[in-house]
Amino acid sequence: MKLSTLTATLALVIGGTALADENHAIHQDGAIISSADASKVADFDILAAHAHRNGDTVTFHMTTNGSAGTSVPAATGEVGGSDVWSYVWPTSLDPSAVGFEGGTGILAMAATSHPDFDDTPLFDENGDGDPANDGIEWHSHWVVLTPTEACGPDALAVRDIPEGSTPKLPATWPGFPIFLDSP
């Protein structure tokens, strides 16, 4: 299997420390590390994750047991119920740091692929001249995570926006009823 590292870089100051549990260790460079697990799909078997800052640029790193970003979900032809695959880096920043309502959950950087919709209308990720068909291309988002019982105990999911509510959202919110930013 091919070991690979996926990185996402953006200009934002970030602070905080890595968290670990009994199944993960913190490497001296601050990365959370984990042993390979043959029962997992290799490109989603995360071996290490960390972020580092150089001035006002933060680079998020994730090392996988296979080629990160190789797999993408199959298209269903529908937005509702379609698959979204992600690599996610939770941060210690308050969601207000990127324009969400403050105190609403855990701000995370996510690299995602989803072939049934395009939620990054400002960019043409695949370079074909159509900025509305790029969802399958791996791209980044800010999301706000909250505990979600529907996903199982101790699971996190992107925070829903209840119908009729009007929380503060970033200017590049794509209009989906979740705390998602498409900068």
Protein backbone atom coordinates (compact mmCIF):
# COMPACT_ATOMS: atom_id res chain seq x y z
CA MET A 1 0.00 0.00 0.00
CA LYS A 2 1.12 3.51 -0.73
CA LEU A 3 1.56 5.87 2.21
CA SER A 4 0.49 9.41 1.38
CA THR A 5 -0.04 12.75 3.02
CA LEU A 6 -2.97 15.04 2.25
CA THR A 7 -2.49 18.72 3.05
CA ALA A 8 -4.75 21.74 3.01
CA THR A 9 -3.33 25.23 3.48
CA LEU A 10 -5.13 28.44 4.30
CA ALA A 11 -4.32 31.84 5.68
CA LEU A 12 -5.64 31.93 9.24
CA VAL A 13 -4.00 32.06 12.63
CA ILE A 14 -4.81 29.00 14.72
CA GLY A 15 -3.84 28.02 18.23
CA GLY A 16 -4.45 25.09 20.49
CA THR A 17 -3.11 21.68 21.30
CA ALA A 18 -3.69 18.21 19.93
CA LEU A 19 -5.91 15.82 21.85
CA ALA A 20 -5.25 12.09 22.21
CA ASP A 21 -6.89 9.09 23.82
CA GLU A 22 -5.76 5.58 24.76
CA ASN A 23 -5.76 4.50 21.08
CA HIS A 24 -3.64 7.40 19.81
CA ALA A 25 -0.35 9.01 20.81
CA ILE A 26 1.00 12.51 20.29
CA HIS A 27 4.26 12.57 18.34
CA GLN A 28 6.90 15.11 19.34
CA ASP A 29 5.96 17.35 16.37
CA GLY A 30 2.41 17.57 17.75
CA ALA A 31 0.88 15.03 15.35
CA ILE A 32 -1.70 12.61 16.66
CA ILE A 33 -0.50 9.20 15.46
CA SER A 34 -2.17 5.82 15.18
CA SER A 35 -1.13 2.36 14.06
CA ALA A 36 -2.23 0.97 10.70
CA ASP A 37 -5.50 -0.97 10.78
CA ALA A 38 -5.92 -3.58 8.02
CA SER A 39 -9.70 -3.64 8.59
CA LYS A 40 -10.02 -0.03 7.31
CA VAL A 41 -9.99 1.24 3.73
CA ALA A 42 -6.31 2.21 3.34
CA ASP A 43 -6.90 5.75 2.06
CA PHE A 44 -9.09 6.44 5.11
CA ASP A 45 -6.83 4.64 7.62
CA ILE A 46 -5.40 7.74 9.30
CA LEU A 47 -1.88 7.23 10.67
CA ALA A 48 -1.09 10.81 11.64
CA ALA A 49 -2.76 14.22 11.68
CA HIS A 50 -1.53 17.64 12.70
CA ALA A 51 -1.50 21.30 11.75
CA HIS A 52 1.36 23.77 11.85
CA ARG A 53 1.51 27.52 11.49
CA ASN A 54 4.03 29.65 9.63
CA GLY A 55 3.09 33.30 10.14
CA ASP A 56 -0.53 33.69 9.10
CA THR A 57 -0.63 30.43 7.11
CA VAL A 58 -1.80 27.16 8.65
CA THR A 59 -1.11 23.86 6.91
CA PHE A 60 -3.24 20.87 7.90
CA HIS A 61 -1.57 17.47 7.37
CA MET A 62 -3.07 14.00 7.39
CA THR A 63 -1.07 10.85 6.61
CA THR A 64 -3.00 7.79 5.52
CA ASN A 65 -2.04 4.15 5.05
CA GLY A 66 -3.05 4.36 1.36
CA SER A 67 -3.27 7.11 -1.23
CA ALA A 68 -5.30 9.90 0.39
CA GLY A 69 -8.05 11.25 -1.83
CA THR A 70 -7.97 8.33 -4.27
CA SER A 71 -11.46 7.10 -3.42
CA VAL A 72 -14.56 9.19 -4.06
CA PRO A 73 -18.21 8.37 -3.33
CA ALA A 74 -20.49 7.06 -6.07
CA ALA A 75 -23.01 9.52 -7.48
CA THR A 76 -26.64 8.90 -6.52
CA GLY A 77 -28.22 11.57 -8.71
CA GLU A 78 -29.84 13.26 -5.69
CA VAL A 79 -28.55 15.85 -3.23
CA GLY A 80 -30.62 14.57 -0.29
CA GLY A 81 -29.09 11.39 1.11
CA SER A 82 -26.02 11.55 -1.11
CA ASP A 83 -22.64 10.57 0.24
CA VAL A 84 -20.05 13.11 1.35
CA TRP A 85 -16.60 11.73 2.15
CA SER A 86 -14.27 13.85 4.26
CA TYR A 87 -10.94 14.13 5.99
CA VAL A 88 -11.53 16.39 9.02
CA TRP A 89 -9.20 18.39 11.30
CA PRO A 90 -11.02 19.73 14.42
CA THR A 91 -9.54 22.97 15.78
CA SER A 92 -9.66 24.84 19.07
CA LEU A 93 -10.93 28.00 17.35
CA ASP A 94 -14.38 29.35 18.09
CA PRO A 95 -16.63 29.15 14.99
CA SER A 96 -16.86 32.96 15.04
CA ALA A 97 -13.21 33.07 13.84
CA VAL A 98 -14.42 32.31 10.29
CA GLY A 99 -17.84 33.99 10.40
CA PHE A 100 -20.18 31.47 12.05
CA GLU A 101 -22.22 32.28 15.14
CA GLY A 102 -19.91 31.94 18.15
CA GLY A 103 -20.14 29.12 20.68
CA THR A 104 -22.03 26.81 18.31
CA GLY A 105 -19.70 23.79 18.27
CA ILE A 106 -16.24 22.65 17.19
CA LEU A 107 -14.80 24.50 14.19
CA ALA A 108 -13.10 22.04 11.82
CA MET A 109 -11.33 22.16 8.49
CA ALA A 110 -12.58 19.45 6.13
CA ALA A 111 -11.38 18.19 2.75
CA THR A 112 -14.43 16.69 1.03
CA SER A 113 -15.68 14.94 -2.08
CA HIS A 114 -19.37 14.70 -3.06
CA PRO A 115 -20.35 14.07 -6.70
CA ASP A 116 -24.04 14.98 -6.42
CA PHE A 117 -23.71 18.71 -5.77
CA ASP A 118 -21.23 21.57 -5.97
CA ASP A 119 -21.06 23.83 -2.95
CA THR A 120 -18.01 25.89 -3.95
CA PRO A 121 -19.53 28.22 -6.57
CA LEU A 122 -16.66 30.72 -6.37
CA PHE A 123 -14.15 28.31 -7.92
CA ASP A 124 -13.84 25.98 -10.91
CA GLU A 125 -11.90 23.17 -9.24
CA ASN A 126 -11.72 20.89 -12.30
CA GLY A 127 -10.84 23.72 -14.72
CA ASP A 128 -13.53 22.91 -17.31
CA GLY A 129 -15.05 26.41 -17.32
CA ASP A 130 -18.15 25.36 -15.35
CA PRO A 131 -17.89 26.27 -11.63
CA ALA A 132 -21.11 24.35 -10.84
CA ASN A 133 -19.95 20.76 -11.43
CA ASP A 134 -16.94 20.34 -9.16
CA GLY A 135 -18.27 18.55 -6.08
CA ILE A 136 -16.43 15.29 -6.79
CA GLU A 137 -13.08 17.14 -6.79
CA TRP A 138 -11.51 17.10 -3.30
CA HIS A 139 -11.87 20.62 -1.86
CA SER A 140 -11.86 22.34 1.53
CA HIS A 141 -14.60 23.65 3.81
CA TRP A 142 -14.96 25.07 7.27
CA VAL A 143 -17.65 23.18 9.21
CA VAL A 144 -19.03 23.35 12.74
CA LEU A 145 -19.29 19.95 14.43
CA THR A 146 -21.64 18.98 17.28
CA PRO A 147 -22.49 15.70 19.05
CA THR A 148 -25.10 13.83 17.03
CA GLU A 149 -26.89 10.83 18.55
CA ALA A 150 -28.15 9.70 15.13
CA CYS A 151 -24.55 8.86 14.18
CA GLY A 152 -23.86 6.86 17.34
CA PRO A 153 -22.46 7.51 20.80
CA ASP A 154 -19.69 10.10 20.96
CA ALA A 155 -20.10 10.84 17.22
CA LEU A 156 -19.82 14.31 15.74
CA ALA A 157 -21.56 15.63 12.63
CA VAL A 158 -21.91 18.98 10.89
CA ARG A 159 -24.38 21.09 12.86
CA ASP A 160 -27.84 21.39 11.30
CA ILE A 161 -29.63 24.70 10.91
CA PRO A 162 -33.16 24.18 12.24
CA GLU A 163 -35.91 25.34 9.88
CA GLY A 164 -36.90 28.90 10.64
CA SER A 165 -33.70 29.83 12.49
CA THR A 166 -31.26 32.44 11.19
CA PRO A 167 -27.83 31.89 12.76
CA LYS A 168 -24.87 34.07 11.82
CA LEU A 169 -23.12 32.40 8.85
CA PRO A 170 -20.05 33.25 6.74
CA ALA A 171 -20.57 35.28 3.56
CA THR A 172 -19.55 32.20 1.54
CA TRP A 173 -22.16 29.88 3.12
CA PRO A 174 -23.52 27.89 0.12
CA GLY A 175 -27.16 27.85 1.26
CA PHE A 176 -27.36 24.31 2.64
CA PRO A 177 -29.17 23.96 6.00
CA ILE A 178 -25.92 23.11 7.83
CA PHE A 179 -23.03 25.04 9.37
CA LEU A 180 -20.81 24.85 6.26
CA ASP A 181 -18.56 27.46 4.68
CA SER A 182 -17.35 27.25 1.08
CA PRO A 183 -14.59 29.84 0.99
